[in-house]
């Protein structure tokens, strides 16, 4: 087949290692940027525990539980089937 280049296993592993390093570097950089922008930028805000926020968090957790139940059939540690 014209135009196709065959790569040896060694070349494929080198390419895989380079991609892994690039993804890891980008991930660490992104995590650092989030950390410094959230925690170092303007300080850590105090907890905002209003009834509205607690209710929204509870709704989101219930949604996650129902999705997990749909995938696994049950939620570990949960009495509901």
C-alpha atoms as a PDB file:
ATOM      1  CA  UNK A   1       0.000   0.000   0.000  1.00  0.00           C
ATOM      2  CA  UNK A   2       1.440   3.276  -1.070  1.00  0.00           C
ATOM      3  CA  UNK A   3       1.628   6.081   1.465  1.00  0.00           C
ATOM      4  CA  UNK A   4       1.488   3.932   4.589  1.00  0.00           C
ATOM      5  CA  UNK A   5       4.379   3.995   7.004  1.00  0.00           C
ATOM      6  CA  UNK A   6       4.927   0.984   9.198  1.00  0.00           C
ATOM      7  CA  UNK A   7       6.005   1.777  12.731  1.00  0.00           C
ATOM      8  CA  UNK A   8       7.983  -0.638  14.811  1.00  0.00           C
ATOM      9  CA  UNK A   9       6.853  -1.527  18.304  1.00  0.00           C
ATOM     10  CA  UNK A  10       9.735   0.553  19.676  1.00  0.00           C
ATOM     11  CA  UNK A  11       8.556   3.622  17.760  1.00  0.00           C
ATOM     12  CA  UNK A  12       4.976   3.112  18.909  1.00  0.00           C
ATOM     13  CA  UNK A  13       6.094   2.876  22.543  1.00  0.00           C
ATOM     14  CA  UNK A  14       8.167   6.058  22.183  1.00  0.00           C
ATOM     15  CA  UNK A  15       5.195   7.866  20.669  1.00  0.00           C
ATOM     16  CA  UNK A  16       2.957   6.572  23.457  1.00  0.00           C
ATOM     17  CA  UNK A  17       5.448   7.774  26.090  1.00  0.00           C
ATOM     18  CA  UNK A  18       5.649  11.226  24.500  1.00  0.00           C
ATOM     19  CA  UNK A  19       1.849  11.525  24.427  1.00  0.00           C
ATOM     20  CA  UNK A  20       1.615  10.347  28.051  1.00  0.00           C
ATOM     21  CA  UNK A  21       4.167  12.941  29.143  1.00  0.00           C
ATOM     22  CA  UNK A  22       2.376  15.723  27.274  1.00  0.00           C
ATOM     23  CA  UNK A  23      -1.001  14.817  28.771  1.00  0.00           C
ATOM     24  CA  UNK A  24       0.485  14.542  32.270  1.00  0.00           C
ATOM     25  CA  UNK A  25       2.243  17.894  31.887  1.00  0.00           C
ATOM     26  CA  UNK A  26      -0.981  19.555  30.738  1.00  0.00           C
ATOM     27  CA  UNK A  27      -2.950  17.967  33.576  1.00  0.00           C
ATOM     28  CA  UNK A  28      -0.472  19.084  36.235  1.00  0.00           C
ATOM     29  CA  UNK A  29      -0.398  22.583  34.761  1.00  0.00           C
ATOM     30  CA  UNK A  30      -4.180  22.770  34.768  1.00  0.00           C
ATOM     31  CA  UNK A  31      -4.348  21.566  38.378  1.00  0.00           C
ATOM     32  CA  UNK A  32      -1.754  24.130  39.442  1.00  0.00           C
ATOM     33  CA  UNK A  33      -3.654  26.902  37.684  1.00  0.00           C
ATOM     34  CA  UNK A  34      -6.895  25.887  39.405  1.00  0.00           C
ATOM     35  CA  UNK A  35      -5.211  25.665  42.791  1.00  0.00           C
ATOM     36  CA  UNK A  36      -3.603  29.086  42.569  1.00  0.00           C
ATOM     37  CA  UNK A  37      -6.639  30.793  41.103  1.00  0.00           C
ATOM     38  CA  UNK A  38      -9.026  29.328  43.686  1.00  0.00           C
ATOM     39  CA  UNK A  39      -6.903  29.242  46.833  1.00  0.00           C
ATOM     40  CA  UNK A  40      -4.195  31.829  46.385  1.00  0.00           C
ATOM     41  CA  UNK A  41      -5.995  34.449  44.306  1.00  0.00           C
ATOM     42  CA  UNK A  42      -8.435  36.202  46.612  1.00  0.00           C
ATOM     43  CA  UNK A  43      -8.353  33.895  49.591  1.00  0.00           C
ATOM     44  CA  UNK A  44     -10.550  31.007  50.512  1.00  0.00           C
ATOM     45  CA  UNK A  45     -14.138  32.057  51.036  1.00  0.00           C
ATOM     46  CA  UNK A  46     -15.967  30.871  54.127  1.00  0.00           C
ATOM     47  CA  UNK A  47     -18.560  28.157  53.863  1.00  0.00           C
ATOM     48  CA  UNK A  48     -21.825  29.318  52.347  1.00  0.00           C
ATOM     49  CA  UNK A  49     -24.311  26.923  53.896  1.00  0.00           C
ATOM     50  CA  UNK A  50     -27.627  28.414  53.109  1.00  0.00           C
ATOM     51  CA  UNK A  51     -30.648  26.151  52.909  1.00  0.00           C
ATOM     52  CA  UNK A  52     -30.814  26.737  49.156  1.00  0.00           C
ATOM     53  CA  UNK A  53     -27.213  25.607  48.584  1.00  0.00           C
ATOM     54  CA  UNK A  54     -27.558  22.584  50.862  1.00  0.00           C
ATOM     55  CA  UNK A  55     -30.751  21.613  49.022  1.00  0.00           C
ATOM     56  CA  UNK A  56     -29.049  21.944  45.654  1.00  0.00           C
ATOM     57  CA  UNK A  57     -26.127  19.793  46.793  1.00  0.00           C
ATOM     58  CA  UNK A  58     -28.557  17.201  48.141  1.00  0.00           C
ATOM     59  CA  UNK A  59     -30.426  17.160  44.810  1.00  0.00           C
ATOM     60  CA  UNK A  60     -27.169  16.680  42.898  1.00  0.00           C
ATOM     61  CA  UNK A  61     -26.101  13.829  45.197  1.00  0.00           C
ATOM     62  CA  UNK A  62     -29.471  12.130  44.761  1.00  0.00           C
ATOM     63  CA  UNK A  63     -29.092  12.461  40.990  1.00  0.00           C
ATOM     64  CA  UNK A  64     -25.641  10.873  41.150  1.00  0.00           C
ATOM     65  CA  UNK A  65     -26.992   8.039  43.300  1.00  0.00           C
ATOM     66  CA  UNK A  66     -29.791   7.340  40.836  1.00  0.00           C
ATOM     67  CA  UNK A  67     -27.330   7.316  37.923  1.00  0.00           C
ATOM     68  CA  UNK A  68     -25.058   4.944  39.843  1.00  0.00           C
ATOM     69  CA  UNK A  69     -28.053   2.736  40.627  1.00  0.00           C
ATOM     70  CA  UNK A  70     -28.931   2.674  36.924  1.00  0.00           C
ATOM     71  CA  UNK A  71     -25.384   1.577  36.055  1.00  0.00           C
ATOM     72  CA  UNK A  72     -24.608  -0.848  38.902  1.00  0.00           C
ATOM     73  CA  UNK A  73     -28.090  -1.908  39.899  1.00  0.00           C
ATOM     74  CA  UNK A  74     -27.432  -0.774  43.469  1.00  0.00           C
ATOM     75  CA  UNK A  75     -25.374   1.765  45.390  1.00  0.00           C
ATOM     76  CA  UNK A  76     -22.804   0.309  47.829  1.00  0.00           C
ATOM     77  CA  UNK A  77     -23.699   1.274  51.388  1.00  0.00           C
ATOM     78  CA  UNK A  78     -27.239   2.246  50.452  1.00  0.00           C
ATOM     79  CA  UNK A  79     -30.201   0.279  51.785  1.00  0.00           C
ATOM     80  CA  UNK A  80     -32.442   1.189  48.838  1.00  0.00           C
ATOM     81  CA  UNK A  81     -32.405  -1.443  46.053  1.00  0.00           C
END
